Amino acid sequence: MSVFPESPGVILQNKTIPTAIRYDPPEADYSQCLMSLDDRLRYSVADDRDPSQPSINGGVEYTSSFNSYVSGMTTNNASVVTMISFRGLVIVCPGDIEDSGWRRFWSNSGHLFEQKLRNASCVILVAPHHGGHSCYSKQLLENVRPNVCLISDLWGRTETHEAYRLFPMGYRFFNGPSSEYYSTKSTGSRIKIWVDEPGFFYLDQYKERT
């Protein structure tokens, strides 16, 4: 059975998704991982370990929400959407949400994200579903207005929608030239982002040793 590279201590799931759908197909590695996590992490988190509290995370803030599952909805559209913010750097992780799901999500939960996005110095969007065409949403890009898109597609199996390269405004990290997007497509690379004490933003893309 596959395991997560770093076993999480806390997870947030959309429990409105029926179990029969959440673990479908049950024999898949990712379904086995989710079942294992559900079995191990079944209790609420104590306040002094709650990662949603900035005082526990050195000032990092998490904002998360999701669409409640309704019959006929794809599980992609019930993805948990998370925004991570720290010292003016905002990273939006929309999971695998599709255009119709994003429109519903933003209508119901956009108010939770708008102010942080509006006040950010740099907004990074992790392109939904590896940046593929099936989850492209023009409204998502217009709502988030990213400076930079990250396209996470380690195996290079997904044809990337060009908007994730062309729409971002671009940003110059302190340790490199300005860019509109970074991709792991077919490179086997990882992307690391950090903020130093004075508040400068850095990005490194590197290949892991094998």
N, C-alpha and C. Protein backbone atom coordinates (compact mmCIF):
# COMPACT_ATOMS: atom_id res chain seq x y z
N MET A 1 0.84 -1.19 0.00
CA MET A 1 0.00 0.00 0.00
C MET A 1 0.88 1.25 0.00
N SER A 2 0.53 2.22 -0.83
CA SER A 2 1.27 3.47 -0.86
C SER A 2 1.03 4.25 0.42
N VAL A 3 2.03 5.03 0.78
CA VAL A 3 1.89 5.90 1.95
C VAL A 3 2.29 7.30 1.54
N PHE A 4 1.82 8.29 2.30
CA PHE A 4 2.21 9.66 2.03
C PHE A 4 3.67 9.85 2.44
N PRO A 5 4.44 10.65 1.67
CA PRO A 5 5.85 10.82 1.99
C PRO A 5 6.06 11.39 3.39
N GLU A 6 5.19 12.28 3.81
CA GLU A 6 5.22 12.79 5.17
C GLU A 6 3.84 12.58 5.76
N SER A 7 3.71 11.66 6.68
CA SER A 7 2.40 11.31 7.21
C SER A 7 1.81 12.49 7.97
N PRO A 8 0.64 12.97 7.56
CA PRO A 8 0.07 14.16 8.21
C PRO A 8 -0.46 13.84 9.60
N GLY A 9 -0.44 14.86 10.44
CA GLY A 9 -1.02 14.72 11.77
C GLY A 9 -2.43 15.24 11.84
N VAL A 10 -2.81 16.06 10.85
CA VAL A 10 -4.14 16.65 10.80
C VAL A 10 -4.60 16.65 9.35
N ILE A 11 -5.84 16.31 9.11
CA ILE A 11 -6.40 16.40 7.77
C ILE A 11 -7.75 17.09 7.83
N LEU A 12 -8.12 17.74 6.73
CA LEU A 12 -9.45 18.32 6.57
C LEU A 12 -10.08 17.66 5.35
N GLN A 13 -11.20 17.00 5.56
CA GLN A 13 -11.88 16.32 4.47
C GLN A 13 -13.29 16.88 4.31
N ASN A 14 -13.80 16.73 3.10
CA ASN A 14 -15.19 17.05 2.83
C ASN A 14 -16.02 15.81 3.15
N LYS A 15 -16.53 15.77 4.35
CA LYS A 15 -17.26 14.57 4.81
C LYS A 15 -18.68 14.49 4.24
N THR A 16 -19.07 15.49 3.42
CA THR A 16 -20.38 15.39 2.78
C THR A 16 -20.35 14.44 1.59
N ILE A 17 -19.15 14.04 1.15
CA ILE A 17 -19.03 13.07 0.05
C ILE A 17 -19.35 11.69 0.60
N PRO A 18 -20.30 10.98 0.04
CA PRO A 18 -20.63 9.64 0.54
C PRO A 18 -19.42 8.70 0.50
N THR A 19 -19.33 7.84 1.51
CA THR A 19 -18.20 6.93 1.62
C THR A 19 -18.02 6.07 0.37
N ALA A 20 -19.12 5.63 -0.21
CA ALA A 20 -19.05 4.75 -1.38
C ALA A 20 -18.36 5.45 -2.55
N ILE A 21 -18.46 6.78 -2.59
CA ILE A 21 -17.84 7.54 -3.67
C ILE A 21 -16.43 7.96 -3.28
N ARG A 22 -16.25 8.31 -2.02
CA ARG A 22 -14.95 8.81 -1.53
C ARG A 22 -13.85 7.78 -1.74
N TYR A 23 -14.16 6.50 -1.58
CA TYR A 23 -13.16 5.44 -1.71
C TYR A 23 -13.32 4.66 -3.00
N ASP A 24 -13.67 5.33 -4.07
CA ASP A 24 -13.92 4.64 -5.33
C ASP A 24 -12.79 4.94 -6.32
N PRO A 25 -12.15 3.90 -6.86
CA PRO A 25 -12.33 2.48 -6.56
C PRO A 25 -11.56 2.08 -5.29
N PRO A 26 -12.14 1.19 -4.48
CA PRO A 26 -11.53 0.88 -3.18
C PRO A 26 -10.16 0.22 -3.26
N GLU A 27 -9.86 -0.43 -4.39
CA GLU A 27 -8.58 -1.13 -4.51
C GLU A 27 -7.44 -0.19 -4.92
N ALA A 28 -7.76 1.03 -5.31
CA ALA A 28 -6.72 1.97 -5.74
C ALA A 28 -5.83 2.38 -4.57
N ASP A 29 -4.56 2.65 -4.86
CA ASP A 29 -3.62 3.03 -3.81
C ASP A 29 -4.08 4.25 -3.04
N TYR A 30 -4.58 5.27 -3.79
CA TYR A 30 -4.98 6.49 -3.10
C TYR A 30 -6.20 6.26 -2.21
N SER A 31 -7.09 5.35 -2.62
CA SER A 31 -8.24 5.02 -1.77
C SER A 31 -7.78 4.33 -0.49
N GLN A 32 -6.82 3.43 -0.63
CA GLN A 32 -6.27 2.75 0.54
C GLN A 32 -5.61 3.74 1.49
N CYS A 33 -4.91 4.73 0.94
CA CYS A 33 -4.29 5.77 1.78
C CYS A 33 -5.34 6.55 2.54
N LEU A 34 -6.41 6.94 1.84
CA LEU A 34 -7.47 7.72 2.50
C LEU A 34 -8.15 6.91 3.59
N MET A 35 -8.39 5.64 3.33
CA MET A 35 -9.01 4.79 4.35
C MET A 35 -8.11 4.67 5.57
N SER A 36 -6.81 4.55 5.34
CA SER A 36 -5.86 4.45 6.44
C SER A 36 -5.86 5.74 7.27
N LEU A 37 -5.87 6.88 6.59
CA LEU A 37 -5.90 8.15 7.29
C LEU A 37 -7.19 8.33 8.09
N ASP A 38 -8.30 7.96 7.48
CA ASP A 38 -9.59 8.08 8.17
C ASP A 38 -9.62 7.23 9.43
N ASP A 39 -8.99 6.06 9.35
CA ASP A 39 -8.98 5.17 10.50
C ASP A 39 -8.07 5.71 11.60
N ARG A 40 -6.98 6.37 11.21
CA ARG A 40 -6.01 6.83 12.20
C ARG A 40 -6.36 8.21 12.76
N LEU A 41 -6.89 9.08 11.91
CA LEU A 41 -7.16 10.46 12.32
C LEU A 41 -8.67 10.66 12.42
N ARG A 42 -9.25 10.14 13.47
CA ARG A 42 -10.71 10.14 13.58
C ARG A 42 -11.25 11.09 14.63
N TYR A 43 -10.35 11.82 15.32
CA TYR A 43 -10.81 12.69 16.40
C TYR A 43 -10.54 14.16 16.06
N SER A 44 -11.29 15.04 16.69
CA SER A 44 -11.09 16.47 16.51
C SER A 44 -9.73 16.89 17.11
N VAL A 45 -9.16 17.94 16.55
CA VAL A 45 -7.85 18.40 16.99
C VAL A 45 -8.01 19.36 18.16
N ALA A 46 -7.17 19.16 19.18
CA ALA A 46 -7.18 20.07 20.33
C ALA A 46 -6.73 21.46 19.91
N ASP A 47 -7.20 22.48 20.60
CA ASP A 47 -6.88 23.86 20.23
C ASP A 47 -5.38 24.11 20.18
N ASP A 48 -4.62 23.48 21.07
CA ASP A 48 -3.19 23.74 21.11
C ASP A 48 -2.42 22.99 20.02
N ARG A 49 -3.14 22.24 19.16
CA ARG A 49 -2.51 21.56 18.02
C ARG A 49 -3.21 21.88 16.71
N ASP A 50 -4.11 22.84 16.74
CA ASP A 50 -4.92 23.16 15.58
C ASP A 50 -4.11 24.02 14.60
N PRO A 51 -3.76 23.49 13.43
CA PRO A 51 -2.91 24.25 12.51
C PRO A 51 -3.61 25.45 11.88
N SER A 52 -4.93 25.56 12.06
CA SER A 52 -5.62 26.73 11.52
C SER A 52 -5.39 27.97 12.37
N GLN A 53 -4.75 27.81 13.52
CA GLN A 53 -4.46 28.95 14.39
C GLN A 53 -3.05 29.47 14.08
N PRO A 54 -2.93 30.71 13.62
CA PRO A 54 -1.61 31.25 13.24
C PRO A 54 -0.59 31.20 14.37
N SER A 55 -1.02 31.31 15.62
CA SER A 55 -0.07 31.32 16.73
C SER A 55 0.67 29.99 16.85
N ILE A 56 0.11 28.92 16.32
CA ILE A 56 0.75 27.60 16.37
C ILE A 56 1.67 27.40 15.16
N ASN A 57 1.42 28.14 14.10
CA ASN A 57 2.16 27.97 12.85
C ASN A 57 3.13 29.11 12.56
N GLY A 58 3.53 29.85 13.57
CA GLY A 58 4.47 30.94 13.33
C GLY A 58 3.89 32.06 12.50
N GLY A 59 2.58 32.23 12.56
CA GLY A 59 1.93 33.31 11.82
C GLY A 59 1.30 32.91 10.51
N VAL A 60 1.50 31.65 10.07
CA VAL A 60 0.88 31.17 8.83
C VAL A 60 -0.62 30.99 9.05
N GLU A 61 -1.41 31.50 8.12
CA GLU A 61 -2.87 31.39 8.22
C GLU A 61 -3.40 30.46 7.13
N TYR A 62 -4.35 29.61 7.51
CA TYR A 62 -5.03 28.73 6.57
C TYR A 62 -6.51 29.10 6.52
N THR A 63 -7.04 29.20 5.30
CA THR A 63 -8.47 29.39 5.11
C THR A 63 -8.95 28.29 4.17
N SER A 64 -9.94 27.51 4.60
CA SER A 64 -10.40 26.38 3.78
C SER A 64 -11.92 26.34 3.74
N SER A 65 -12.43 25.88 2.62
CA SER A 65 -13.87 25.67 2.49
C SER A 65 -14.09 24.70 1.32
N PHE A 66 -15.35 24.29 1.11
CA PHE A 66 -15.65 23.35 0.03
C PHE A 66 -17.15 23.39 -0.26
N ASN A 67 -17.50 22.88 -1.43
CA ASN A 67 -18.91 22.71 -1.78
C ASN A 67 -19.45 21.47 -1.08
N SER A 68 -20.63 21.57 -0.52
CA SER A 68 -21.30 20.37 -0.01
C SER A 68 -21.70 19.50 -1.19
N TYR A 69 -21.44 18.21 -1.07
CA TYR A 69 -21.73 17.29 -2.17
C TYR A 69 -23.24 17.15 -2.36
N VAL A 70 -23.68 17.20 -3.61
CA VAL A 70 -25.08 16.92 -3.96
C VAL A 70 -25.08 15.87 -5.05
N SER A 71 -26.16 15.15 -5.15
CA SER A 71 -26.26 14.07 -6.13
C SER A 71 -25.98 14.59 -7.54
N GLY A 72 -25.15 13.88 -8.25
CA GLY A 72 -24.80 14.25 -9.62
C GLY A 72 -23.54 15.10 -9.71
N MET A 73 -23.06 15.60 -8.59
CA MET A 73 -21.84 16.40 -8.59
C MET A 73 -20.63 15.49 -8.73
N THR A 74 -19.63 15.93 -9.48
CA THR A 74 -18.38 15.17 -9.53
C THR A 74 -17.64 15.37 -8.21
N THR A 75 -16.84 14.38 -7.82
CA THR A 75 -16.05 14.54 -6.60
C THR A 75 -15.02 15.67 -6.76
N ASN A 76 -14.60 15.93 -8.00
CA ASN A 76 -13.69 17.06 -8.22
C ASN A 76 -14.30 18.36 -7.70
N ASN A 77 -15.58 18.52 -7.94
CA ASN A 77 -16.25 19.76 -7.55
C ASN A 77 -16.57 19.83 -6.06
N ALA A 78 -16.24 18.78 -5.34
CA ALA A 78 -16.34 18.80 -3.88
C ALA A 78 -14.95 18.90 -3.24
N SER A 79 -13.96 19.31 -4.05
CA SER A 79 -12.59 19.46 -3.54
C SER A 79 -12.54 20.48 -2.41
N VAL A 80 -11.66 20.23 -1.45
CA VAL A 80 -11.36 21.24 -0.44
C VAL A 80 -10.46 22.29 -1.08
N VAL A 81 -10.87 23.55 -0.97
CA VAL A 81 -10.08 24.67 -1.48
C VAL A 81 -9.40 25.34 -0.29
N THR A 82 -8.09 25.49 -0.35
CA THR A 82 -7.34 26.05 0.77
C THR A 82 -6.49 27.23 0.32
N MET A 83 -6.48 28.27 1.15
CA MET A 83 -5.62 29.43 0.92
C MET A 83 -4.64 29.52 2.09
N ILE A 84 -3.36 29.58 1.78
CA ILE A 84 -2.30 29.72 2.77
C ILE A 84 -1.74 31.13 2.65
N SER A 85 -1.68 31.86 3.74
CA SER A 85 -1.18 33.24 3.67
C SER A 85 -0.18 33.51 4.77
N PHE A 86 0.87 34.28 4.41
CA PHE A 86 1.92 34.62 5.36
C PHE A 86 2.67 35.84 4.86
N ARG A 87 2.63 36.90 5.63
CA ARG A 87 3.39 38.13 5.34
C ARG A 87 3.18 38.64 3.92
N GLY A 88 1.95 38.58 3.45
CA GLY A 88 1.64 39.10 2.12
C GLY A 88 1.76 38.11 0.99
N LEU A 89 2.28 36.92 1.29
CA LEU A 89 2.34 35.85 0.29
C LEU A 89 1.11 34.97 0.45
N VAL A 90 0.37 34.77 -0.63
CA VAL A 90 -0.84 33.96 -0.60
C VAL A 90 -0.72 32.84 -1.63
N ILE A 91 -0.99 31.61 -1.19
CA ILE A 91 -0.99 30.45 -2.08
C ILE A 91 -2.38 29.84 -2.07
N VAL A 92 -2.99 29.71 -3.23
CA VAL A 92 -4.34 29.15 -3.35
C VAL A 92 -4.24 27.75 -3.95
N CYS A 93 -4.79 26.77 -3.24
CA CYS A 93 -4.76 25.36 -3.65
C CYS A 93 -6.21 24.90 -3.87
N PRO A 94 -6.69 24.87 -5.11
CA PRO A 94 -8.10 24.54 -5.35
C PRO A 94 -8.38 23.06 -5.60
N GLY A 95 -7.40 22.20 -5.35
CA GLY A 95 -7.64 20.77 -5.56
C GLY A 95 -7.88 20.46 -7.03
N ASP A 96 -8.90 19.68 -7.30
CA ASP A 96 -9.24 19.30 -8.67
C ASP A 96 -10.54 19.95 -9.13
N ILE A 97 -10.89 21.08 -8.55
CA ILE A 97 -12.19 21.68 -8.82
C ILE A 97 -12.32 22.09 -10.29
N GLU A 98 -13.51 21.89 -10.84
CA GLU A 98 -13.81 22.23 -12.23
C GLU A 98 -14.54 23.58 -12.28
N ASP A 99 -14.79 24.06 -13.48
CA ASP A 99 -15.37 25.40 -13.63
C ASP A 99 -16.72 25.53 -12.93
N SER A 100 -17.63 24.57 -13.14
CA SER A 100 -18.96 24.67 -12.53
C SER A 100 -18.86 24.62 -11.01
N GLY A 101 -17.93 23.81 -10.50
CA GLY A 101 -17.74 23.72 -9.06
C GLY A 101 -17.16 25.00 -8.50
N TRP A 102 -16.21 25.60 -9.24
CA TRP A 102 -15.63 26.85 -8.76
C TRP A 102 -16.68 27.96 -8.69
N ARG A 103 -17.53 28.05 -9.68
CA ARG A 103 -18.57 29.10 -9.68
C ARG A 103 -19.48 28.95 -8.46
N ARG A 104 -19.85 27.75 -8.17
CA ARG A 104 -20.68 27.49 -6.99
C ARG A 104 -19.90 27.82 -5.71
N PHE A 105 -18.64 27.41 -5.69
CA PHE A 105 -17.80 27.65 -4.52
C PHE A 105 -17.62 29.14 -4.26
N TRP A 106 -17.27 29.89 -5.30
CA TRP A 106 -17.00 31.31 -5.11
C TRP A 106 -18.25 32.08 -4.70
N SER A 107 -19.39 31.65 -5.23
CA SER A 107 -20.65 32.29 -4.84
C SER A 107 -20.93 32.11 -3.36
N ASN A 108 -20.59 30.94 -2.82
CA ASN A 108 -20.88 30.64 -1.41
C ASN A 108 -19.75 31.01 -0.46
N SER A 109 -18.51 30.90 -0.91
CA SER A 109 -17.37 31.02 0.01
C SER A 109 -16.33 32.07 -0.39
N GLY A 110 -16.55 32.75 -1.49
CA GLY A 110 -15.57 33.72 -1.97
C GLY A 110 -15.25 34.80 -0.95
N HIS A 111 -16.25 35.16 -0.14
CA HIS A 111 -16.03 36.22 0.85
C HIS A 111 -14.95 35.86 1.87
N LEU A 112 -14.69 34.57 2.05
CA LEU A 112 -13.66 34.14 2.99
C LEU A 112 -12.25 34.41 2.47
N PHE A 113 -12.11 34.57 1.15
CA PHE A 113 -10.82 34.67 0.50
C PHE A 113 -10.51 36.07 -0.04
N GLU A 114 -11.55 36.84 -0.33
CA GLU A 114 -11.37 38.07 -1.11
C GLU A 114 -10.40 39.07 -0.49
N GLN A 115 -10.53 39.34 0.79
CA GLN A 115 -9.71 40.38 1.40
C GLN A 115 -8.23 40.02 1.38
N LYS A 116 -7.90 38.77 1.73
CA LYS A 116 -6.51 38.33 1.70
C LYS A 116 -5.93 38.40 0.28
N LEU A 117 -6.73 38.02 -0.71
CA LEU A 117 -6.27 38.09 -2.09
C LEU A 117 -6.05 39.53 -2.51
N ARG A 118 -6.95 40.40 -2.12
CA ARG A 118 -6.87 41.81 -2.51
C ARG A 118 -5.66 42.49 -1.90
N ASN A 119 -5.30 42.11 -0.68
CA ASN A 119 -4.21 42.77 0.03
C ASN A 119 -2.85 42.10 -0.14
N ALA A 120 -2.80 41.01 -0.90
CA ALA A 120 -1.56 40.24 -1.03
C ALA A 120 -0.51 40.97 -1.87
N SER A 121 0.75 40.75 -1.53
CA SER A 121 1.86 41.25 -2.35
C SER A 121 2.13 40.31 -3.52
N CYS A 122 1.89 39.03 -3.30
CA CYS A 122 2.09 38.03 -4.35
C CYS A 122 1.08 36.91 -4.14
N VAL A 123 0.35 36.57 -5.21
CA VAL A 123 -0.63 35.48 -5.17
C VAL A 123 -0.15 34.35 -6.07
N ILE A 124 -0.03 33.17 -5.51
CA ILE A 124 0.38 31.99 -6.25
C ILE A 124 -0.81 31.03 -6.33
N LEU A 125 -1.13 30.58 -7.52
CA LEU A 125 -2.20 29.61 -7.73
C LEU A 125 -1.60 28.27 -8.12
N VAL A 126 -1.93 27.23 -7.37
CA VAL A 126 -1.60 25.87 -7.80
C VAL A 126 -2.69 25.45 -8.78
N ALA A 127 -2.34 25.33 -10.04
CA ALA A 127 -3.34 25.07 -11.08
C ALA A 127 -4.14 23.80 -10.75
N PRO A 128 -5.49 23.88 -10.83
CA PRO A 128 -6.30 22.70 -10.47
C PRO A 128 -6.05 21.53 -11.41
N HIS A 129 -6.06 20.36 -10.84
CA HIS A 129 -5.93 19.09 -11.58
C HIS A 129 -4.77 19.13 -12.57
N HIS A 130 -3.59 19.50 -12.08
CA HIS A 130 -2.36 19.49 -12.86
C HIS A 130 -2.38 20.48 -14.02
N GLY A 131 -3.31 21.45 -13.99
CA GLY A 131 -3.36 22.45 -15.04
C GLY A 131 -4.02 21.98 -16.32
N GLY A 132 -4.76 20.86 -16.24
CA GLY A 132 -5.37 20.29 -17.44
C GLY A 132 -6.59 21.04 -17.93
N HIS A 133 -7.00 20.73 -19.16
CA HIS A 133 -8.15 21.38 -19.77
C HIS A 133 -9.45 21.06 -19.05
N SER A 134 -9.59 19.87 -18.49
CA SER A 134 -10.86 19.45 -17.90
C SER A 134 -11.24 20.30 -16.69
N CYS A 135 -10.27 20.91 -16.03
CA CYS A 135 -10.56 21.71 -14.85
C CYS A 135 -10.23 23.18 -15.06
N TYR A 136 -10.09 23.59 -16.31
CA TYR A 136 -9.82 25.01 -16.58
C TYR A 136 -11.05 25.84 -16.24
N SER A 137 -10.82 26.95 -15.53
CA SER A 137 -11.90 27.86 -15.18
C SER A 137 -11.42 29.29 -15.35
N LYS A 138 -11.99 29.99 -16.32
CA LYS A 138 -11.65 31.39 -16.52
C LYS A 138 -12.04 32.21 -15.30
N GLN A 139 -13.19 31.87 -14.71
CA GLN A 139 -13.64 32.63 -13.54
C GLN A 139 -12.68 32.45 -12.36
N LEU A 140 -12.16 31.25 -12.19
CA LEU A 140 -11.19 31.02 -11.12
C LEU A 140 -10.00 31.96 -11.28
N LEU A 141 -9.45 32.02 -12.48
CA LEU A 141 -8.31 32.90 -12.73
C LEU A 141 -8.68 34.36 -12.48
N GLU A 142 -9.87 34.77 -12.90
CA GLU A 142 -10.28 36.16 -12.71
C GLU A 142 -10.53 36.47 -11.24
N ASN A 143 -11.03 35.51 -10.47
CA ASN A 143 -11.27 35.73 -9.05
C ASN A 143 -9.97 35.78 -8.26
N VAL A 144 -9.05 34.87 -8.56
CA VAL A 144 -7.80 34.77 -7.81
C VAL A 144 -6.77 35.78 -8.30
N ARG A 145 -6.74 36.04 -9.59
CA ARG A 145 -5.78 36.97 -10.22
C ARG A 145 -4.34 36.67 -9.76
N PRO A 146 -3.84 35.50 -10.12
CA PRO A 146 -2.50 35.11 -9.64
C PRO A 146 -1.38 35.88 -10.30
N ASN A 147 -0.32 36.11 -9.52
CA ASN A 147 0.92 36.60 -10.11
C ASN A 147 1.67 35.45 -10.78
N VAL A 148 1.55 34.26 -10.18
CA VAL A 148 2.28 33.09 -10.64
C VAL A 148 1.39 31.86 -10.54
N CYS A 149 1.47 30.97 -11.52
CA CYS A 149 0.81 29.66 -11.43
C CYS A 149 1.87 28.58 -11.26
N LEU A 150 1.58 27.62 -10.40
CA LEU A 150 2.40 26.43 -10.27
C LEU A 150 1.67 25.28 -10.94
N ILE A 151 2.32 24.61 -11.85
CA ILE A 151 1.72 23.49 -12.57
C ILE A 151 2.41 22.22 -12.09
N SER A 152 1.69 21.45 -11.29
CA SER A 152 2.26 20.25 -10.68
C SER A 152 1.84 19.03 -11.48
N ASP A 153 2.75 18.53 -12.29
CA ASP A 153 2.45 17.36 -13.13
C ASP A 153 3.72 16.56 -13.30
N LEU A 154 4.08 15.86 -12.23
CA LEU A 154 5.36 15.17 -12.17
C LEU A 154 5.57 14.20 -13.32
N TRP A 155 4.49 13.53 -13.74
CA TRP A 155 4.62 12.50 -14.77
C TRP A 155 4.38 13.05 -16.18
N GLY A 156 3.94 14.29 -16.28
CA GLY A 156 3.73 14.90 -17.59
C GLY A 156 2.62 14.26 -18.39
N ARG A 157 1.60 13.76 -17.69
CA ARG A 157 0.53 13.03 -18.39
C ARG A 157 -0.61 13.94 -18.84
N THR A 158 -0.65 15.17 -18.35
CA THR A 158 -1.78 16.04 -18.61
C THR A 158 -1.38 17.17 -19.55
N GLU A 159 -2.18 17.40 -20.59
CA GLU A 159 -1.94 18.53 -21.48
C GLU A 159 -2.34 19.81 -20.75
N THR A 160 -1.41 20.70 -20.55
CA THR A 160 -1.65 21.91 -19.77
C THR A 160 -2.43 22.94 -20.57
N HIS A 161 -3.44 23.54 -19.94
CA HIS A 161 -4.17 24.63 -20.59
C HIS A 161 -3.26 25.85 -20.62
N GLU A 162 -3.16 26.47 -21.77
CA GLU A 162 -2.21 27.58 -21.95
C GLU A 162 -2.51 28.78 -21.04
N ALA A 163 -3.75 28.91 -20.59
CA ALA A 163 -4.09 30.06 -19.75
C ALA A 163 -3.31 30.09 -18.44
N TYR A 164 -2.91 28.92 -17.95
CA TYR A 164 -2.14 28.88 -16.70
C TYR A 164 -0.72 29.41 -16.90
N ARG A 165 -0.30 29.53 -18.16
CA ARG A 165 1.00 30.13 -18.47
C ARG A 165 0.84 31.60 -18.86
N LEU A 166 -0.29 31.93 -19.50
CA LEU A 166 -0.45 33.26 -20.11
C LEU A 166 -1.18 34.26 -19.22
N PHE A 167 -2.10 33.80 -18.37
CA PHE A 167 -2.93 34.73 -17.59
C PHE A 167 -2.18 35.39 -16.43
N PRO A 168 -1.31 34.67 -15.69
CA PRO A 168 -0.66 35.29 -14.52
C PRO A 168 0.11 36.56 -14.88
N MET A 169 0.15 37.49 -13.93
CA MET A 169 0.78 38.79 -14.16
C MET A 169 2.30 38.71 -14.08
N GLY A 170 2.82 37.68 -13.44
CA GLY A 170 4.27 37.53 -13.27
C GLY A 170 4.74 38.11 -11.95
N TYR A 171 5.84 37.56 -11.47
CA TYR A 171 6.40 38.03 -10.22
C TYR A 171 7.90 37.71 -10.20
N ARG A 172 8.68 38.65 -9.67
CA ARG A 172 10.11 38.42 -9.54
C ARG A 172 10.43 38.07 -8.09
N PHE A 173 10.73 36.80 -7.86
CA PHE A 173 11.16 36.39 -6.53
C PHE A 173 12.56 36.95 -6.26
N PHE A 174 12.89 37.06 -4.98
CA PHE A 174 14.12 37.75 -4.60
C PHE A 174 15.37 37.07 -5.15
N ASN A 175 15.27 35.77 -5.41
CA ASN A 175 16.45 35.02 -5.85
C ASN A 175 16.40 34.62 -7.32
N GLY A 176 15.61 35.34 -8.13
CA GLY A 176 15.55 34.93 -9.52
C GLY A 176 14.83 35.93 -10.41
N PRO A 177 14.73 35.63 -11.71
CA PRO A 177 14.06 36.53 -12.65
C PRO A 177 12.54 36.44 -12.52
N SER A 178 11.86 37.40 -13.14
CA SER A 178 10.40 37.39 -13.13
C SER A 178 9.88 36.24 -13.99
N SER A 179 8.78 35.64 -13.53
CA SER A 179 8.17 34.54 -14.29
C SER A 179 6.67 34.51 -14.02
N GLU A 180 5.91 33.98 -15.00
CA GLU A 180 4.46 33.86 -14.85
C GLU A 180 4.05 32.48 -14.34
N TYR A 181 4.90 31.48 -14.53
CA TYR A 181 4.54 30.13 -14.09
C TYR A 181 5.81 29.31 -13.86
N TYR A 182 5.62 28.26 -13.05
CA TYR A 182 6.65 27.25 -12.83
C TYR A 182 5.98 25.90 -12.96
N SER A 183 6.67 24.95 -13.59
CA SER A 183 6.06 23.65 -13.84
C SER A 183 7.02 22.53 -13.45
N THR A 184 6.44 21.45 -12.92
CA THR A 184 7.22 20.24 -12.66
C THR A 184 7.04 19.23 -13.79
N LYS A 185 6.41 19.64 -14.86
CA LYS A 185 6.02 18.73 -15.94
C LYS A 185 7.23 18.00 -16.51
N SER A 186 7.23 16.69 -16.35
CA SER A 186 8.25 15.80 -16.92
C SER A 186 9.66 16.09 -16.43
N THR A 187 9.82 16.91 -15.40
CA THR A 187 11.16 17.26 -14.94
C THR A 187 11.55 16.50 -13.67
N GLY A 188 10.56 15.92 -12.99
CA GLY A 188 10.85 15.24 -11.74
C GLY A 188 11.31 16.20 -10.66
N SER A 189 10.92 17.47 -10.77
CA SER A 189 11.41 18.48 -9.85
C SER A 189 10.40 18.79 -8.75
N ARG A 190 10.89 19.49 -7.74
CA ARG A 190 10.07 20.00 -6.64
C ARG A 190 10.19 21.51 -6.62
N ILE A 191 9.18 22.17 -6.09
CA ILE A 191 9.19 23.62 -5.97
C ILE A 191 9.11 23.97 -4.49
N LYS A 192 10.03 24.79 -4.04
CA LYS A 192 10.08 25.21 -2.64
C LYS A 192 9.94 26.72 -2.57
N ILE A 193 9.02 27.19 -1.73
CA ILE A 193 8.79 28.63 -1.56
C ILE A 193 9.01 28.97 -0.09
N TRP A 194 9.72 30.04 0.16
CA TRP A 194 9.88 30.44 1.55
C TRP A 194 9.97 31.96 1.67
N VAL A 195 9.76 32.44 2.89
CA VAL A 195 9.80 33.86 3.20
C VAL A 195 10.85 34.07 4.28
N ASP A 196 11.79 35.01 4.05
CA ASP A 196 12.82 35.22 5.06
C ASP A 196 12.35 36.24 6.11
N GLU A 197 13.18 36.49 7.07
CA GLU A 197 12.79 37.34 8.21
C GLU A 197 12.41 38.76 7.79
N PRO A 198 13.15 39.38 6.85
CA PRO A 198 12.73 40.73 6.41
C PRO A 198 11.45 40.73 5.57
N GLY A 199 11.02 39.54 5.11
CA GLY A 199 9.78 39.46 4.35
C GLY A 199 9.96 39.32 2.85
N PHE A 200 11.16 38.95 2.38
CA PHE A 200 11.37 38.71 0.95
C PHE A 200 10.93 37.30 0.59
N PHE A 201 10.36 37.15 -0.62
CA PHE A 201 9.85 35.86 -1.08
C PHE A 201 10.88 35.19 -2.00
N TYR A 202 11.09 33.90 -1.78
CA TYR A 202 12.04 33.11 -2.56
C TYR A 202 11.33 31.90 -3.16
N LEU A 203 11.83 31.46 -4.31
CA LEU A 203 11.34 30.22 -4.92
C LEU A 203 12.52 29.46 -5.50
N ASP A 204 12.59 28.19 -5.17
CA ASP A 204 13.60 27.29 -5.73
C ASP A 204 12.91 26.11 -6.40
N GLN A 205 13.41 25.73 -7.55
CA GLN A 205 12.95 24.52 -8.22
C GLN A 205 14.15 23.59 -8.34
N TYR A 206 14.00 22.39 -7.82
CA TYR A 206 15.16 21.50 -7.76
C TYR A 206 14.73 20.07 -8.00
N LYS A 207 15.68 19.26 -8.44
CA LYS A 207 15.44 17.83 -8.63
C LYS A 207 15.85 17.07 -7.39
N GLU A 208 14.99 16.17 -6.94
CA GLU A 208 15.34 15.36 -5.79
C GLU A 208 16.37 14.32 -6.19
N ARG A 209 17.23 13.99 -5.26
CA ARG A 209 18.19 12.94 -5.51
C ARG A 209 17.49 11.57 -5.53
N THR A 210 17.95 10.71 -6.41
CA THR A 210 17.34 9.38 -6.50
C THR A 210 18.33 8.33 -6.03
